[in-house]
Amino acid sequence: MRLSDRPETVTSMASGPTGAIGAMLDRYLGLRGVADGCLAILGWEGRSASAMRARRRAGWRLLRRAGAVRLGSRAGAAWQRNRFTGPRLRDSLLDEGYLVE
């Protein structure tokens, strides 16, 4: 699990989908009542496909009760592709007050 705080989420969303896809995402979140969320990226593992599915279902039940909204796999895939970009931008981000891991 990778959980972003609110400022990091705002930054991630601002550098995320734009144009029609960004507008659809904004509309989707609005319809789901999400105004100030934080982004959590989850990965699920298990000894077997059925164990993984059971963990994912149980996890999603808890997350939905807490108000989570599923965005699909694109956010996780984007994070995985770009997770090492932050260190290259470390000094600029630190100057802006962001914590860079």
PDB file of N, CA and C in Angstrom:
ATOM      1  N   MET A   1       0.848  -1.180   0.000  1.00  0.00           N
ATOM      2  CA  MET A   1       0.000   0.000   0.000  1.00  0.00           C
ATOM      3  C   MET A   1       0.884   1.230   0.000  1.00  0.00           C
ATOM      4  N   ARG A   2       0.492   2.194  -0.770  1.00  0.00           N
ATOM      5  CA  ARG A   2       1.170   3.491  -0.829  1.00  0.00           C
ATOM      6  C   ARG A   2       0.096   4.530  -0.582  1.00  0.00           C
ATOM      7  N   LEU A   3       0.190   5.251   0.538  1.00  0.00           N
ATOM      8  CA  LEU A   3      -0.800   6.258   0.895  1.00  0.00           C
ATOM      9  C   LEU A   3      -0.173   7.638   0.793  1.00  0.00           C
ATOM     10  N   SER A   4      -0.791   8.504   0.022  1.00  0.00           N
ATOM     11  CA  SER A   4      -0.331   9.890  -0.120  1.00  0.00           C
ATOM     12  C   SER A   4      -1.166  10.781   0.784  1.00  0.00           C
ATOM     13  N   ASP A   5      -0.524  11.753   1.418  1.00  0.00           N
ATOM     14  CA  ASP A   5      -1.290  12.728   2.191  1.00  0.00           C
ATOM     15  C   ASP A   5      -1.976  13.690   1.220  1.00  0.00           C
ATOM     16  N   ARG A   6      -2.758  14.616   1.764  1.00  0.00           N
ATOM     17  CA  ARG A   6      -3.549  15.506   0.908  1.00  0.00           C
ATOM     18  C   ARG A   6      -2.687  16.348  -0.038  1.00  0.00           C
ATOM     19  N   PRO A   7      -1.619  17.022   0.445  1.00  0.00           N
ATOM     20  CA  PRO A   7      -0.810  17.819  -0.506  1.00  0.00           C
ATOM     21  C   PRO A   7      -0.183  16.968  -1.616  1.00  0.00           C
ATOM     22  N   GLU A   8       0.289  15.778  -1.284  1.00  0.00           N
ATOM     23  CA  GLU A   8       0.876  14.920  -2.313  1.00  0.00           C
ATOM     24  C   GLU A   8      -0.194  14.433  -3.286  1.00  0.00           C
ATOM     25  N   THR A   9      -1.390  14.159  -2.776  1.00  0.00           N
ATOM     26  CA  THR A   9      -2.493  13.736  -3.635  1.00  0.00           C
ATOM     27  C   THR A   9      -2.869  14.837  -4.613  1.00  0.00           C
ATOM     28  N   VAL A  10      -2.952  16.075  -4.122  1.00  0.00           N
ATOM     29  CA  VAL A  10      -3.269  17.206  -4.996  1.00  0.00           C
ATOM     30  C   VAL A  10      -2.222  17.319  -6.098  1.00  0.00           C
ATOM     31  N   THR A  11      -0.947  17.174  -5.737  1.00  0.00           N
ATOM     32  CA  THR A  11       0.137  17.244  -6.716  1.00  0.00           C
ATOM     33  C   THR A  11       0.032  16.104  -7.723  1.00  0.00           C
ATOM     34  N   SER A  12      -0.227  14.893  -7.233  1.00  0.00           N
ATOM     35  CA  SER A  12      -0.352  13.739  -8.128  1.00  0.00           C
ATOM     36  C   SER A  12      -1.507  13.907  -9.100  1.00  0.00           C
ATOM     37  N   MET A  13      -2.627  14.372  -8.584  1.00  0.00           N
ATOM     38  CA  MET A  13      -3.795  14.545  -9.447  1.00  0.00           C
ATOM     39  C   MET A  13      -3.570  15.665 -10.460  1.00  0.00           C
ATOM     40  N   ALA A  14      -2.857  16.714 -10.053  1.00  0.00           N
ATOM     41  CA  ALA A  14      -2.581  17.821 -10.975  1.00  0.00           C
ATOM     42  C   ALA A  14      -1.662  17.379 -12.105  1.00  0.00           C
ATOM     43  N   SER A  15      -0.779  16.416 -11.830  1.00  0.00           N
ATOM     44  CA  SER A  15       0.137  15.946 -12.869  1.00  0.00           C
ATOM     45  C   SER A  15      -0.397  14.684 -13.538  1.00  0.00           C
ATOM     46  N   GLY A  16      -1.622  14.310 -13.222  1.00  0.00           N
ATOM     47  CA  GLY A  16      -2.229  13.103 -13.775  1.00  0.00           C
ATOM     48  C   GLY A  16      -3.011  13.385 -15.040  1.00  0.00           C
ATOM     49  N   PRO A  17      -4.110  12.671 -15.191  1.00  0.00           N
ATOM     50  CA  PRO A  17      -4.895  12.775 -16.428  1.00  0.00           C
ATOM     51  C   PRO A  17      -5.372  14.197 -16.705  1.00  0.00           C
ATOM     52  N   THR A  18      -5.300  14.585 -17.947  1.00  0.00           N
ATOM     53  CA  THR A  18      -5.781  15.907 -18.365  1.00  0.00           C
ATOM     54  C   THR A  18      -6.800  15.731 -19.482  1.00  0.00           C
ATOM     55  N   GLY A  19      -7.316  16.821 -19.951  1.00  0.00           N
ATOM     56  CA  GLY A  19      -8.261  16.781 -21.065  1.00  0.00           C
ATOM     57  C   GLY A  19      -9.525  16.038 -20.695  1.00  0.00           C
ATOM     58  N   ALA A  20     -10.048  15.281 -21.644  1.00  0.00           N
ATOM     59  CA  ALA A  20     -11.318  14.581 -21.452  1.00  0.00           C
ATOM     60  C   ALA A  20     -11.221  13.552 -20.321  1.00  0.00           C
ATOM     61  N   ILE A  21     -10.106  12.850 -20.242  1.00  0.00           N
ATOM     62  CA  ILE A  21      -9.960  11.831 -19.191  1.00  0.00           C
ATOM     63  C   ILE A  21      -9.917  12.495 -17.817  1.00  0.00           C
ATOM     64  N   GLY A  22      -9.188  13.590 -17.686  1.00  0.00           N
ATOM     65  CA  GLY A  22      -9.148  14.319 -16.425  1.00  0.00           C
ATOM     66  C   GLY A  22     -10.516  14.856 -16.040  1.00  0.00           C
ATOM     67  N   ALA A  23     -11.256  15.354 -17.015  1.00  0.00           N
ATOM     68  CA  ALA A  23     -12.603  15.866 -16.757  1.00  0.00           C
ATOM     69  C   ALA A  23     -13.531  14.736 -16.313  1.00  0.00           C
ATOM     70  N   MET A  24     -13.399  13.574 -16.953  1.00  0.00           N
ATOM     71  CA  MET A  24     -14.226  12.428 -16.550  1.00  0.00           C
ATOM     72  C   MET A  24     -13.877  11.977 -15.128  1.00  0.00           C
ATOM     73  N   LEU A  25     -12.596  11.979 -14.806  1.00  0.00           N
ATOM     74  CA  LEU A  25     -12.179  11.606 -13.454  1.00  0.00           C
ATOM     75  C   LEU A  25     -12.751  12.581 -12.432  1.00  0.00           C
ATOM     76  N   ASP A  26     -12.643  13.873 -12.713  1.00  0.00           N
ATOM     77  CA  ASP A  26     -13.206  14.886 -11.811  1.00  0.00           C
ATOM     78  C   ASP A  26     -14.711  14.684 -11.638  1.00  0.00           C
ATOM     79  N   ARG A  27     -15.394  14.432 -12.725  1.00  0.00           N
ATOM     80  CA  ARG A  27     -16.855  14.219 -12.664  1.00  0.00           C
ATOM     81  C   ARG A  27     -17.173  12.963 -11.863  1.00  0.00           C
ATOM     82  N   TYR A  28     -16.454  11.892 -12.119  1.00  0.00           N
ATOM     83  CA  TYR A  28     -16.663  10.635 -11.396  1.00  0.00           C
ATOM     84  C   TYR A  28     -16.478  10.842  -9.889  1.00  0.00           C
ATOM     85  N   LEU A  29     -15.387  11.503  -9.518  1.00  0.00           N
ATOM     86  CA  LEU A  29     -15.139  11.742  -8.090  1.00  0.00           C
ATOM     87  C   LEU A  29     -16.221  12.631  -7.495  1.00  0.00           C
ATOM     88  N   GLY A  30     -16.656  13.631  -8.244  1.00  0.00           N
ATOM     89  CA  GLY A  30     -17.727  14.501  -7.772  1.00  0.00           C
ATOM     90  C   GLY A  30     -19.019  13.744  -7.549  1.00  0.00           C
ATOM     91  N   LEU A  31     -19.363  12.872  -8.484  1.00  0.00           N
ATOM     92  CA  LEU A  31     -20.573  12.069  -8.353  1.00  0.00           C
ATOM     93  C   LEU A  31     -20.492  11.111  -7.167  1.00  0.00           C
ATOM     94  N   ARG A  32     -19.287  10.680  -6.854  1.00  0.00           N
ATOM     95  CA  ARG A  32     -19.087   9.773  -5.718  1.00  0.00           C
ATOM     96  C   ARG A  32     -18.938  10.533  -4.406  1.00  0.00           C
ATOM     97  N   GLY A  33     -18.988  11.877  -4.461  1.00  0.00           N
ATOM     98  CA  GLY A  33     -18.908  12.684  -3.246  1.00  0.00           C
ATOM     99  C   GLY A  33     -17.507  12.886  -2.714  1.00  0.00           C
ATOM    100  N   VAL A  34     -16.515  12.723  -3.568  1.00  0.00           N
ATOM    101  CA  VAL A  34     -15.126  12.888  -3.141  1.00  0.00           C
ATOM    102  C   VAL A  34     -14.678  14.305  -3.456  1.00  0.00           C
ATOM    103  N   ALA A  35     -14.347  15.060  -2.414  1.00  0.00           N
ATOM    104  CA  ALA A  35     -13.888  16.433  -2.611  1.00  0.00           C
ATOM    105  C   ALA A  35     -12.443  16.598  -2.149  1.00  0.00           C
ATOM    106  N   ASP A  36     -12.089  15.998  -1.034  1.00  0.00           N
ATOM    107  CA  ASP A  36     -10.756  16.185  -0.443  1.00  0.00           C
ATOM    108  C   ASP A  36     -10.088  14.861  -0.116  1.00  0.00           C
ATOM    109  N   GLY A  37     -10.074  13.938  -1.006  1.00  0.00           N
ATOM    110  CA  GLY A  37      -9.535  12.621  -0.695  1.00  0.00           C
ATOM    111  C   GLY A  37      -8.032  12.555  -0.718  1.00  0.00           C
ATOM    112  N   CYS A  38      -7.534  11.441  -0.238  1.00  0.00           N
ATOM    113  CA  CYS A  38      -6.123  11.091  -0.335  1.00  0.00           C
ATOM    114  C   CYS A  38      -6.019   9.858  -1.216  1.00  0.00           C
ATOM    115  N   LEU A  39      -4.943   9.772  -1.951  1.00  0.00           N
ATOM    116  CA  LEU A  39      -4.749   8.668  -2.882  1.00  0.00           C
ATOM    117  C   LEU A  39      -4.040   7.517  -2.179  1.00  0.00           C
ATOM    118  N   ALA A  40      -4.616   6.341  -2.248  1.00  0.00           N
ATOM    119  CA  ALA A  40      -3.992   5.115  -1.750  1.00  0.00           C
ATOM    120  C   ALA A  40      -3.860   4.159  -2.930  1.00  0.00           C
ATOM    121  N   ILE A  41      -2.664   3.659  -3.125  1.00  0.00           N
ATOM    122  CA  ILE A  41      -2.410   2.688  -4.185  1.00  0.00           C
ATOM    123  C   ILE A  41      -2.169   1.351  -3.500  1.00  0.00           C
ATOM    124  N   LEU A  42      -2.950   0.358  -3.894  1.00  0.00           N
ATOM    125  CA  LEU A  42      -2.917  -0.943  -3.232  1.00  0.00           C
ATOM    126  C   LEU A  42      -2.485  -2.026  -4.189  1.00  0.00           C
ATOM    127  N   GLY A  43      -1.732  -2.960  -3.671  1.00  0.00           N
ATOM    128  CA  GLY A  43      -1.373  -4.163  -4.409  1.00  0.00           C
ATOM    129  C   GLY A  43      -1.772  -5.358  -3.562  1.00  0.00           C
ATOM    130  N   TRP A  44      -2.251  -6.398  -4.174  1.00  0.00           N
ATOM    131  CA  TRP A  44      -2.755  -7.554  -3.440  1.00  0.00           C
ATOM    132  C   TRP A  44      -1.938  -8.778  -3.794  1.00  0.00           C
ATOM    133  N   GLU A  45      -1.586  -9.565  -2.774  1.00  0.00           N
ATOM    134  CA  GLU A  45      -0.832 -10.795  -2.974  1.00  0.00           C
ATOM    135  C   GLU A  45      -1.539 -11.945  -2.278  1.00  0.00           C
ATOM    136  N   GLY A  46      -1.225 -13.141  -2.695  1.00  0.00           N
ATOM    137  CA  GLY A  46      -1.757 -14.335  -2.063  1.00  0.00           C
ATOM    138  C   GLY A  46      -1.019 -15.551  -2.569  1.00  0.00           C
ATOM    139  N   ARG A  47      -1.134 -16.641  -1.830  1.00  0.00           N
ATOM    140  CA  ARG A  47      -0.462 -17.879  -2.240  1.00  0.00           C
ATOM    141  C   ARG A  47      -1.076 -18.452  -3.501  1.00  0.00           C
ATOM    142  N   SER A  48      -2.324 -18.083  -3.716  1.00  0.00           N
ATOM    143  CA  SER A  48      -3.014 -18.547  -4.925  1.00  0.00           C
ATOM    144  C   SER A  48      -3.898 -17.403  -5.417  1.00  0.00           C
ATOM    145  N   ALA A  49      -4.386 -17.545  -6.629  1.00  0.00           N
ATOM    146  CA  ALA A  49      -5.267 -16.510  -7.178  1.00  0.00           C
ATOM    147  C   ALA A  49      -6.518 -16.368  -6.327  1.00  0.00           C
ATOM    148  N   SER A  50      -7.048 -17.470  -5.828  1.00  0.00           N
ATOM    149  CA  SER A  50      -8.268 -17.393  -5.017  1.00  0.00           C
ATOM    150  C   SER A  50      -7.986 -16.721  -3.670  1.00  0.00           C
ATOM    151  N   ALA A  51      -6.823 -16.970  -3.068  1.00  0.00           N
ATOM    152  CA  ALA A  51      -6.469 -16.314  -1.807  1.00  0.00           C
ATOM    153  C   ALA A  51      -6.298 -14.808  -2.024  1.00  0.00           C
ATOM    154  N   MET A  52      -5.684 -14.440  -3.140  1.00  0.00           N
ATOM    155  CA  MET A  52      -5.510 -13.023  -3.452  1.00  0.00           C
ATOM    156  C   MET A  52      -6.858 -12.344  -3.658  1.00  0.00           C
ATOM    157  N   ARG A  53      -7.749 -12.980  -4.384  1.00  0.00           N
ATOM    158  CA  ARG A  53      -9.083 -12.407  -4.611  1.00  0.00           C
ATOM    159  C   ARG A  53      -9.838 -12.246  -3.286  1.00  0.00           C
ATOM    160  N   ALA A  54      -9.710 -13.222  -2.396  1.00  0.00           N
ATOM    161  CA  ALA A  54     -10.387 -13.141  -1.096  1.00  0.00           C
ATOM    162  C   ALA A  54      -9.832 -11.971  -0.282  1.00  0.00           C
ATOM    163  N   ARG A  55      -8.532 -11.795  -0.279  1.00  0.00           N
ATOM    164  CA  ARG A  55      -7.932 -10.653   0.428  1.00  0.00           C
ATOM    165  C   ARG A  55      -8.396  -9.332  -0.172  1.00  0.00           C
ATOM    166  N   ARG A  56      -8.426  -9.271  -1.489  1.00  0.00           N
ATOM    167  CA  ARG A  56      -8.852  -8.043  -2.158  1.00  0.00           C
ATOM    168  C   ARG A  56     -10.308  -7.727  -1.821  1.00  0.00           C
ATOM    169  N   ARG A  57     -11.180  -8.718  -1.872  1.00  0.00           N
ATOM    170  CA  ARG A  57     -12.595  -8.501  -1.522  1.00  0.00           C
ATOM    171  C   ARG A  57     -12.747  -8.026  -0.085  1.00  0.00           C
ATOM    172  N   ALA A  58     -12.050  -8.675   0.844  1.00  0.00           N
ATOM    173  CA  ALA A  58     -12.144  -8.290   2.257  1.00  0.00           C
ATOM    174  C   ALA A  58     -11.596  -6.874   2.457  1.00  0.00           C
ATOM    175  N   GLY A  59     -10.495  -6.580   1.806  1.00  0.00           N
ATOM    176  CA  GLY A  59      -9.923  -5.234   1.911  1.00  0.00           C
ATOM    177  C   GLY A  59     -10.852  -4.173   1.370  1.00  0.00           C
ATOM    178  N   TRP A  60     -11.471  -4.449   0.214  1.00  0.00           N
ATOM    179  CA  TRP A  60     -12.371  -3.474  -0.389  1.00  0.00           C
ATOM    180  C   TRP A  60     -13.632  -3.255   0.432  1.00  0.00           C
ATOM    181  N   ARG A  61     -14.106  -4.304   1.105  1.00  0.00           N
ATOM    182  CA  ARG A  61     -15.258  -4.113   1.993  1.00  0.00           C
ATOM    183  C   ARG A  61     -14.931  -3.096   3.077  1.00  0.00           C
ATOM    184  N   LEU A  62     -13.758  -3.231   3.682  1.00  0.00           N
ATOM    185  CA  LEU A  62     -13.331  -2.289   4.722  1.00  0.00           C
ATOM    186  C   LEU A  62     -13.126  -0.886   4.154  1.00  0.00           C
ATOM    187  N   LEU A  63     -12.486  -0.807   3.011  1.00  0.00           N
ATOM    188  CA  LEU A  63     -12.210   0.492   2.411  1.00  0.00           C
ATOM    189  C   LEU A  63     -13.495   1.217   2.011  1.00  0.00           C
ATOM    190  N   ARG A  64     -14.449   0.500   1.440  1.00  0.00           N
ATOM    191  CA  ARG A  64     -15.727   1.124   1.062  1.00  0.00           C
ATOM    192  C   ARG A  64     -16.453   1.668   2.289  1.00  0.00           C
ATOM    193  N   ARG A  65     -16.434   0.912   3.394  1.00  0.00           N
ATOM    194  CA  ARG A  65     -17.059   1.395   4.630  1.00  0.00           C
ATOM    195  C   ARG A  65     -16.426   2.690   5.107  1.00  0.00           C
ATOM    196  N   ALA A  66     -15.142   2.869   4.813  1.00  0.00           N
ATOM    197  CA  ALA A  66     -14.430   4.083   5.216  1.00  0.00           C
ATOM    198  C   ALA A  66     -14.566   5.198   4.185  1.00  0.00           C
ATOM    199  N   GLY A  67     -15.325   4.956   3.115  1.00  0.00           N
ATOM    200  CA  GLY A  67     -15.561   5.986   2.116  1.00  0.00           C
ATOM    201  C   GLY A  67     -14.637   5.953   0.918  1.00  0.00           C
ATOM    202  N   ALA A  68     -13.867   4.894   0.768  1.00  0.00           N
ATOM    203  CA  ALA A  68     -12.941   4.804  -0.369  1.00  0.00           C
ATOM    204  C   ALA A  68     -13.708   4.662  -1.679  1.00  0.00           C
ATOM    205  N   VAL A  69     -13.121   5.198  -2.729  1.00  0.00           N
ATOM    206  CA  VAL A  69     -13.662   5.110  -4.082  1.00  0.00           C
ATOM    207  C   VAL A  69     -12.590   4.478  -4.957  1.00  0.00           C
ATOM    208  N   ARG A  70     -12.959   3.462  -5.675  1.00  0.00           N
ATOM    209  CA  ARG A  70     -12.001   2.767  -6.527  1.00  0.00           C
ATOM    210  C   ARG A  70     -11.815   3.515  -7.839  1.00  0.00           C
ATOM    211  N   LEU A  71     -10.556   3.680  -8.233  1.00  0.00           N
ATOM    212  CA  LEU A  71     -10.240   4.366  -9.489  1.00  0.00           C
ATOM    213  C   LEU A  71      -9.751   3.414 -10.568  1.00  0.00           C
ATOM    214  N   GLY A  72      -9.581   2.158 -10.249  1.00  0.00           N
ATOM    215  CA  GLY A  72      -9.046   1.217 -11.215  1.00  0.00           C
ATOM    216  C   GLY A  72      -7.542   1.100 -11.094  1.00  0.00           C
ATOM    217  N   SER A  73      -6.915   0.520 -12.071  1.00  0.00           N
ATOM    218  CA  SER A  73      -5.484   0.212 -11.979  1.00  0.00           C
ATOM    219  C   SER A  73      -4.566   1.269 -12.575  1.00  0.00           C
ATOM    220  N   ARG A  74      -5.106   2.287 -13.240  1.00  0.00           N
ATOM    221  CA  ARG A  74      -4.248   3.269 -13.916  1.00  0.00           C
ATOM    222  C   ARG A  74      -3.348   4.049 -12.955  1.00  0.00           C
ATOM    223  N   ALA A  75      -3.886   4.449 -11.799  1.00  0.00           N
ATOM    224  CA  ALA A  75      -3.080   5.223 -10.844  1.00  0.00           C
ATOM    225  C   ALA A  75      -1.897   4.395 -10.353  1.00  0.00           C
ATOM    226  N   GLY A  76      -2.132   3.128 -10.060  1.00  0.00           N
ATOM    227  CA  GLY A  76      -1.049   2.252  -9.618  1.00  0.00           C
ATOM    228  C   GLY A  76      -0.013   2.016 -10.699  1.00  0.00           C
ATOM    229  N   ALA A  77      -0.481   1.820 -11.916  1.00  0.00           N
ATOM    230  CA  ALA A  77       0.443   1.610 -13.035  1.00  0.00           C
ATOM    231  C   ALA A  77       1.280   2.862 -13.284  1.00  0.00           C
ATOM    232  N   ALA A  78       0.658   4.036 -13.192  1.00  0.00           N
ATOM    233  CA  ALA A  78       1.395   5.297 -13.375  1.00  0.00           C
ATOM    234  C   ALA A  78       2.423   5.472 -12.271  1.00  0.00           C
ATOM    235  N   TRP A  79       2.033   5.162 -11.028  1.00  0.00           N
ATOM    236  CA  TRP A  79       2.986   5.270  -9.917  1.00  0.00           C
ATOM    237  C   TRP A  79       4.162   4.335 -10.154  1.00  0.00           C
ATOM    238  N   GLN A  80       3.890   3.104 -10.562  1.00  0.00           N
ATOM    239  CA  GLN A  80       4.964   2.142 -10.778  1.00  0.00           C
ATOM    240  C   GLN A  80       5.927   2.610 -11.875  1.00  0.00           C
ATOM    241  N   ARG A  81       5.394   3.178 -12.948  1.00  0.00           N
ATOM    242  CA  ARG A  81       6.242   3.677 -14.039  1.00  0.00           C
ATOM    243  C   ARG A  81       7.093   4.861 -13.608  1.00  0.00           C
ATOM    244  N   ASN A  82       6.521   5.742 -12.757  1.00  0.00           N
ATOM    245  CA  ASN A  82       7.171   7.021 -12.462  1.00  0.00           C
ATOM    246  C   ASN A  82       7.713   7.140 -11.043  1.00  0.00           C
ATOM    247  N   ARG A  83       7.774   6.052 -10.296  1.00  0.00           N
ATOM    248  CA  ARG A  83       8.133   6.155  -8.880  1.00  0.00           C
ATOM    249  C   ARG A  83       9.549   6.653  -8.631  1.00  0.00           C
ATOM    250  N   PHE A  84      10.419   6.578  -9.601  1.00  0.00           N
ATOM    251  CA  PHE A  84      11.782   7.052  -9.409  1.00  0.00           C
ATOM    252  C   PHE A  84      12.007   8.457  -9.971  1.00  0.00           C
ATOM    253  N   THR A  85      10.961   9.077 -10.477  1.00  0.00           N
ATOM    254  CA  THR A  85      11.068  10.441 -10.986  1.00  0.00           C
ATOM    255  C   THR A  85      11.276  11.419  -9.838  1.00  0.00           C
ATOM    256  N   GLY A  86      10.613  11.204  -8.701  1.00  0.00           N
ATOM    257  CA  GLY A  86      10.714  12.085  -7.534  1.00  0.00           C
ATOM    258  C   GLY A  86      12.140  12.337  -7.088  1.00  0.00           C
ATOM    259  N   PRO A  87      12.966  11.286  -6.931  1.00  0.00           N
ATOM    260  CA  PRO A  87      14.340  11.540  -6.508  1.00  0.00           C
ATOM    261  C   PRO A  87      15.114  12.431  -7.474  1.00  0.00           C
ATOM    262  N   ARG A  88      14.803  12.359  -8.749  1.00  0.00           N
ATOM    263  CA  ARG A  88      15.484  13.230  -9.705  1.00  0.00           C
ATOM    264  C   ARG A  88      15.074  14.684  -9.520  1.00  0.00           C
ATOM    265  N   LEU A  89      13.868  14.885  -9.003  1.00  0.00           N
ATOM    266  CA  LEU A  89      13.345  16.231  -8.779  1.00  0.00           C
ATOM    267  C   LEU A  89      13.450  16.650  -7.311  1.00  0.00           C
ATOM    268  N   ARG A  90      14.175  15.877  -6.511  1.00  0.00           N
ATOM    269  CA  ARG A  90      14.222  16.039  -5.060  1.00  0.00           C
ATOM    270  C   ARG A  90      14.439  17.467  -4.601  1.00  0.00           C
ATOM    271  N   ASP A  91      15.476  18.119  -5.062  1.00  0.00           N
ATOM    272  CA  ASP A  91      15.797  19.454  -4.561  1.00  0.00           C
ATOM    273  C   ASP A  91      14.685  20.454  -4.842  1.00  0.00           C
ATOM    274  N   SER A  92      14.142  20.420  -6.031  1.00  0.00           N
ATOM    275  CA  SER A  92      13.047  21.338  -6.360  1.00  0.00           C
ATOM    276  C   SER A  92      11.829  21.062  -5.497  1.00  0.00           C
ATOM    277  N   LEU A  93      11.518  19.791  -5.298  1.00  0.00           N
ATOM    278  CA  LEU A  93      10.365  19.435  -4.483  1.00  0.00           C
ATOM    279  C   LEU A  93      10.589  19.808  -3.017  1.00  0.00           C
ATOM    280  N   LEU A  94      11.786  19.578  -2.499  1.00  0.00           N
ATOM    281  CA  LEU A  94      12.084  19.962  -1.117  1.00  0.00           C
ATOM    282  C   LEU A  94      11.953  21.471  -0.924  1.00  0.00           C
ATOM    283  N   ASP A  95      12.399  22.236  -1.918  1.00  0.00           N
ATOM    284  CA  ASP A  95      12.254  23.701  -1.850  1.00  0.00           C
ATOM    285  C   ASP A  95      10.799  24.125  -1.762  1.00  0.00           C
ATOM    286  N   GLU A  96       9.882  23.315  -2.327  1.00  0.00           N
ATOM    287  CA  GLU A  96       8.456  23.610  -2.306  1.00  0.00           C
ATOM    288  C   GLU A  96       7.766  23.048  -1.065  1.00  0.00           C
ATOM    289  N   GLY A  97       8.524  22.366  -0.206  1.00  0.00           N
ATOM    290  CA  GLY A  97       7.965  21.849   1.033  1.00  0.00           C
ATOM    291  C   GLY A  97       7.459  20.431   0.973  1.00  0.00           C
ATOM    292  N   TYR A  98       7.781  19.691  -0.090  1.00  0.00           N
ATOM    293  CA  TYR A  98       7.337  18.316  -0.195  1.00  0.00           C
ATOM    294  C   TYR A  98       8.397  17.380   0.377  1.00  0.00           C
ATOM    295  N   LEU A  99       7.939  16.309   1.010  1.00  0.00           N
ATOM    296  CA  LEU A  99       8.835  15.260   1.458  1.00  0.00           C
ATOM    297  C   LEU A  99       9.047  14.315   0.292  1.00  0.00           C
ATOM    298  N   VAL A 100      10.294  14.046  -0.014  1.00  0.00           N
ATOM    299  CA  VAL A 100      10.613  13.157  -1.128  1.00  0.00           C
ATOM    300  C   VAL A 100      11.294  11.935  -0.548  1.00  0.00           C
ATOM    301  N   GLU A 101      10.705  10.774  -0.793  1.00  0.00           N
ATOM    302  CA  GLU A 101      11.257   9.549  -0.243  1.00  0.00           C
ATOM    303  C   GLU A 101      12.421   9.043  -1.060  1.00  0.00           C
TER     304      GLU A 101
END
